[in-house]
Amino acid sequence: MSHVSGAGRTGADDIAGRAGSFVASPRGAGSASRWFLLLLGLLGVLVFVGLGIWQLERRVWKLDLIARVDQRIHAPVVDAPGPATWADINAAGYEYRHVRLAGSFSGGPNTLVQAVTELGGGYWVLTPMRDDRGFTVLVNRGFVPQERKAEFQQESGGARSPTVVDGLLRISEPGGGFLRSNDPAADRWYSRDVAAIAKARGLT
């Protein structure tokens, strides 16, 4: 380069000139770094935009769910669907429907399903009820805290006298929880998996 080897320069000048030539070379790297930071910033913007859209869609879904639940909760009570329609039951058409059962609790064992609510950790107590029409339904009798687990494990499961139960129809939750699968053999339940519970308990 001309500024390095010019006439009349000393060795020191030559070294300085060469040093200067080495300083100039990182400019390309600095430009690449700026482009990288720009792309990183654009990626961050896209992520935030995506999250914003997701939150908006989730809000719309949640408002629709609240409206649907409110409508069904306050609708006139109807008989709980029987086995002939179970295969067609889905969340969109049936969940939270206000239903009625007339029959008696079968005296079979309760199934305790792990749950976390605003009251803390504990269990949903599911008890089999035999409907007068000849089929069995699992009734969620409510939440109990951890310290009452043994009490409801030993309980035979509700009064056996004729009973009428009004409640909300809920959809089965196959498989288990987010991180843990149901273990029927060990009687550990992390979701309200109706088919698996019925099979484990021999319910029909």
Protein backbone atom coordinates (compact mmCIF):
# COMPACT_ATOMS: atom_id res chain seq x y z
CA MET A 1 0.00 0.00 0.00
CA SER A 2 1.34 3.48 -0.89
CA HIS A 3 1.05 4.93 2.58
CA VAL A 4 3.23 2.12 3.98
CA SER A 5 6.19 2.16 1.58
CA GLY A 6 6.52 5.88 0.70
CA ALA A 7 10.07 7.29 0.13
CA GLY A 8 11.82 9.04 3.01
CA ARG A 9 9.99 7.15 5.78
CA THR A 10 11.94 5.49 8.58
CA GLY A 11 11.54 1.95 9.78
CA ALA A 12 9.39 3.27 12.57
CA ASP A 13 7.22 5.07 10.04
CA ASP A 14 6.96 1.88 8.05
CA ILE A 15 5.87 -0.03 11.13
CA ALA A 16 3.35 2.68 11.97
CA GLY A 17 2.01 2.55 8.45
CA ARG A 18 1.67 -1.18 8.59
CA ALA A 19 0.04 -0.93 11.97
CA GLY A 20 -2.41 1.51 10.46
CA SER A 21 -3.24 -0.94 7.72
CA PHE A 22 -4.12 -3.56 10.31
CA VAL A 23 -6.45 -1.13 12.14
CA ALA A 24 -8.47 -0.64 8.96
CA SER A 25 -9.29 -4.32 8.46
CA PRO A 26 -11.77 -4.78 11.36
CA ARG A 27 -14.18 -2.29 9.75
CA GLY A 28 -15.79 -5.15 7.85
CA ALA A 29 -16.22 -7.12 11.07
CA GLY A 30 -17.83 -4.10 12.74
CA SER A 31 -20.26 -3.78 9.85
CA ALA A 32 -21.12 -7.47 10.12
CA SER A 33 -21.71 -7.04 13.86
CA ARG A 34 -24.08 -4.15 13.19
CA TRP A 35 -26.02 -6.25 10.68
CA PHE A 36 -26.19 -9.11 13.18
CA LEU A 37 -27.52 -6.79 15.90
CA LEU A 38 -30.05 -5.35 13.45
CA LEU A 39 -31.27 -8.82 12.49
CA LEU A 40 -31.40 -9.79 16.16
CA GLY A 41 -33.47 -6.69 16.90
CA LEU A 42 -35.86 -7.47 14.02
CA LEU A 43 -36.21 -11.03 15.30
CA GLY A 44 -37.08 -9.68 18.75
CA VAL A 45 -39.74 -7.40 17.23
CA LEU A 46 -41.25 -10.34 15.32
CA VAL A 47 -41.34 -12.43 18.51
CA PHE A 48 -43.12 -9.65 20.43
CA VAL A 49 -45.59 -9.13 17.56
CA GLY A 50 -46.27 -12.88 17.51
CA LEU A 51 -46.83 -12.92 21.26
CA GLY A 52 -49.17 -9.96 20.96
CA ILE A 53 -51.24 -11.71 18.29
CA TRP A 54 -51.30 -14.92 20.37
CA GLN A 55 -52.47 -13.03 23.45
CA LEU A 56 -55.18 -11.29 21.42
CA GLU A 57 -56.39 -14.61 19.98
CA ARG A 58 -56.30 -16.18 23.44
CA ARG A 59 -58.33 -13.28 24.85
CA VAL A 60 -60.95 -13.72 22.12
CA TRP A 61 -61.05 -17.48 22.83
CA LYS A 62 -61.33 -16.88 26.58
CA LEU A 63 -64.16 -14.35 26.21
CA ASP A 64 -66.01 -16.77 23.93
CA LEU A 65 -65.52 -19.57 26.47
CA ILE A 66 -66.79 -17.38 29.33
CA ALA A 67 -69.87 -16.41 27.33
CA ARG A 68 -70.56 -20.04 26.36
CA VAL A 69 -70.10 -21.29 29.93
CA ASP A 70 -72.31 -18.53 31.34
CA GLN A 71 -75.04 -19.35 28.84
CA ARG A 72 -74.94 -23.08 29.56
CA ILE A 73 -74.73 -22.73 33.34
CA HIS A 74 -77.92 -20.70 33.39
CA ALA A 75 -79.77 -22.81 30.81
CA PRO A 76 -82.61 -25.09 31.98
CA VAL A 77 -81.36 -28.40 33.37
CA VAL A 78 -81.59 -31.43 31.05
CA ASP A 79 -81.04 -35.15 31.61
CA ALA A 80 -77.39 -36.17 31.36
CA PRO A 81 -76.68 -37.85 28.01
CA GLY A 82 -76.65 -41.64 28.00
CA PRO A 83 -74.26 -44.14 26.38
CA ALA A 84 -75.91 -43.85 22.96
CA THR A 85 -74.57 -40.30 22.59
CA TRP A 86 -71.25 -40.55 24.46
CA ALA A 87 -69.20 -41.08 21.30
CA ASP A 88 -70.52 -37.78 19.90
CA ILE A 89 -69.83 -35.66 22.98
CA ASN A 90 -67.33 -32.85 22.40
CA ALA A 91 -66.28 -29.69 24.20
CA ALA A 92 -67.86 -27.30 21.71
CA GLY A 93 -71.32 -28.81 21.94
CA TYR A 94 -71.53 -30.26 25.44
CA GLU A 95 -68.98 -28.99 27.96
CA TYR A 96 -70.50 -27.11 30.92
CA ARG A 97 -74.00 -28.12 29.91
CA HIS A 98 -76.37 -28.06 32.91
CA VAL A 99 -77.40 -31.70 33.44
CA ARG A 100 -79.22 -33.88 35.95
CA LEU A 101 -78.68 -37.44 37.16
CA ALA A 102 -81.22 -39.47 39.13
CA GLY A 103 -79.99 -42.66 40.77
CA SER A 104 -77.72 -43.67 43.62
CA PHE A 105 -74.02 -43.74 44.34
CA SER A 106 -72.80 -47.28 43.73
CA GLY A 107 -70.69 -47.58 46.87
CA GLY A 108 -67.59 -48.16 44.78
CA PRO A 109 -64.25 -46.59 45.70
CA ASN A 110 -63.59 -42.92 45.11
CA THR A 111 -60.96 -41.90 42.60
CA LEU A 112 -58.76 -39.03 43.76
CA VAL A 113 -57.36 -36.87 40.96
CA GLN A 114 -54.54 -34.50 41.83
CA ALA A 115 -55.49 -30.85 41.45
CA VAL A 116 -54.23 -27.37 42.24
CA THR A 117 -56.84 -24.71 42.98
CA GLU A 118 -56.97 -21.33 44.69
CA LEU A 119 -57.30 -23.34 47.92
CA GLY A 120 -53.93 -25.00 47.28
CA GLY A 121 -52.95 -28.54 46.33
CA GLY A 122 -55.32 -31.45 46.82
CA TYR A 123 -57.66 -33.76 44.95
CA TRP A 124 -60.91 -33.88 43.01
CA VAL A 125 -63.09 -36.65 44.45
CA LEU A 126 -64.72 -38.68 41.65
CA THR A 127 -67.43 -41.13 42.75
CA PRO A 128 -69.37 -43.57 40.54
CA MET A 129 -73.13 -43.01 40.43
CA ARG A 130 -75.57 -45.51 38.92
CA ASP A 131 -78.24 -43.69 36.94
CA ASP A 132 -81.81 -45.05 37.01
CA ARG A 133 -81.53 -45.54 33.23
CA GLY A 134 -78.94 -48.28 33.76
CA PHE A 135 -75.52 -46.72 33.25
CA THR A 136 -72.77 -45.37 35.50
CA VAL A 137 -71.40 -41.83 35.55
CA LEU A 138 -68.42 -40.43 37.45
CA VAL A 139 -69.56 -37.52 39.62
CA ASN A 140 -67.01 -34.95 40.76
CA ARG A 141 -68.09 -34.32 44.34
CA GLY A 142 -65.61 -31.49 44.81
CA PHE A 143 -62.15 -30.63 46.05
CA VAL A 144 -60.44 -31.89 49.20
CA PRO A 145 -57.04 -30.74 50.54
CA GLN A 146 -53.99 -32.98 50.79
CA GLU A 147 -54.47 -33.70 54.49
CA ARG A 148 -57.88 -35.31 53.87
CA LYS A 149 -56.67 -37.74 51.20
CA ALA A 150 -56.76 -40.85 53.41
CA GLU A 151 -60.29 -40.05 54.61
CA PHE A 152 -61.71 -40.06 51.08
CA GLN A 153 -59.62 -43.02 49.92
CA GLN A 154 -61.24 -45.13 52.65
CA GLU A 155 -64.77 -43.77 52.12
CA SER A 156 -67.12 -46.10 50.26
CA GLY A 157 -68.32 -43.26 48.04
CA GLY A 158 -71.47 -41.26 48.74
CA ALA A 159 -74.92 -42.16 50.04
CA ARG A 160 -76.49 -45.25 48.45
CA SER A 161 -80.06 -43.98 48.86
CA PRO A 162 -81.87 -42.51 45.82
CA THR A 163 -80.21 -39.23 44.89
CA VAL A 164 -80.69 -36.46 42.35
CA VAL A 165 -77.57 -34.58 41.28
CA ASP A 166 -77.55 -31.38 39.23
CA GLY A 167 -74.17 -30.40 37.81
CA LEU A 168 -72.12 -29.34 34.82
CA LEU A 169 -71.00 -31.83 32.22
CA ARG A 170 -67.22 -31.92 31.81
CA ILE A 171 -65.17 -33.50 29.04
CA SER A 172 -62.78 -36.38 29.73
CA GLU A 173 -59.06 -35.54 29.98
CA PRO A 174 -57.19 -38.55 28.53
CA GLY A 175 -53.59 -39.37 29.33
CA GLY A 176 -52.67 -37.38 32.39
CA GLY A 177 -51.25 -34.01 33.35
CA PHE A 178 -48.80 -31.77 31.51
CA LEU A 179 -45.70 -33.49 32.89
CA ARG A 180 -47.02 -36.76 34.35
CA SER A 181 -49.08 -39.58 32.91
CA ASN A 182 -51.85 -41.34 34.79
CA ASP A 183 -50.75 -44.60 36.45
CA PRO A 184 -53.87 -46.76 36.92
CA ALA A 185 -51.90 -49.68 38.39
CA ALA A 186 -50.61 -47.46 41.20
CA ASP A 187 -53.93 -45.58 41.45
CA ARG A 188 -52.23 -42.27 40.66
CA TRP A 189 -54.35 -39.88 38.63
CA TYR A 190 -53.31 -36.51 37.25
CA SER A 191 -56.31 -35.89 35.00
CA ARG A 192 -59.98 -36.83 34.88
CA ASP A 193 -59.56 -39.59 32.29
CA VAL A 194 -63.04 -41.10 32.37
CA ALA A 195 -62.36 -44.13 30.15
CA ALA A 196 -59.18 -45.11 32.01
CA ILE A 197 -60.81 -44.69 35.44
CA ALA A 198 -63.85 -46.71 34.35
CA LYS A 199 -61.60 -49.51 33.09
CA ALA A 200 -59.49 -49.52 36.27
CA ARG A 201 -62.62 -49.63 38.46
CA GLY A 202 -64.54 -52.11 36.31
CA LEU A 203 -67.40 -49.64 35.73
CA THR A 204 -70.04 -50.10 33.02
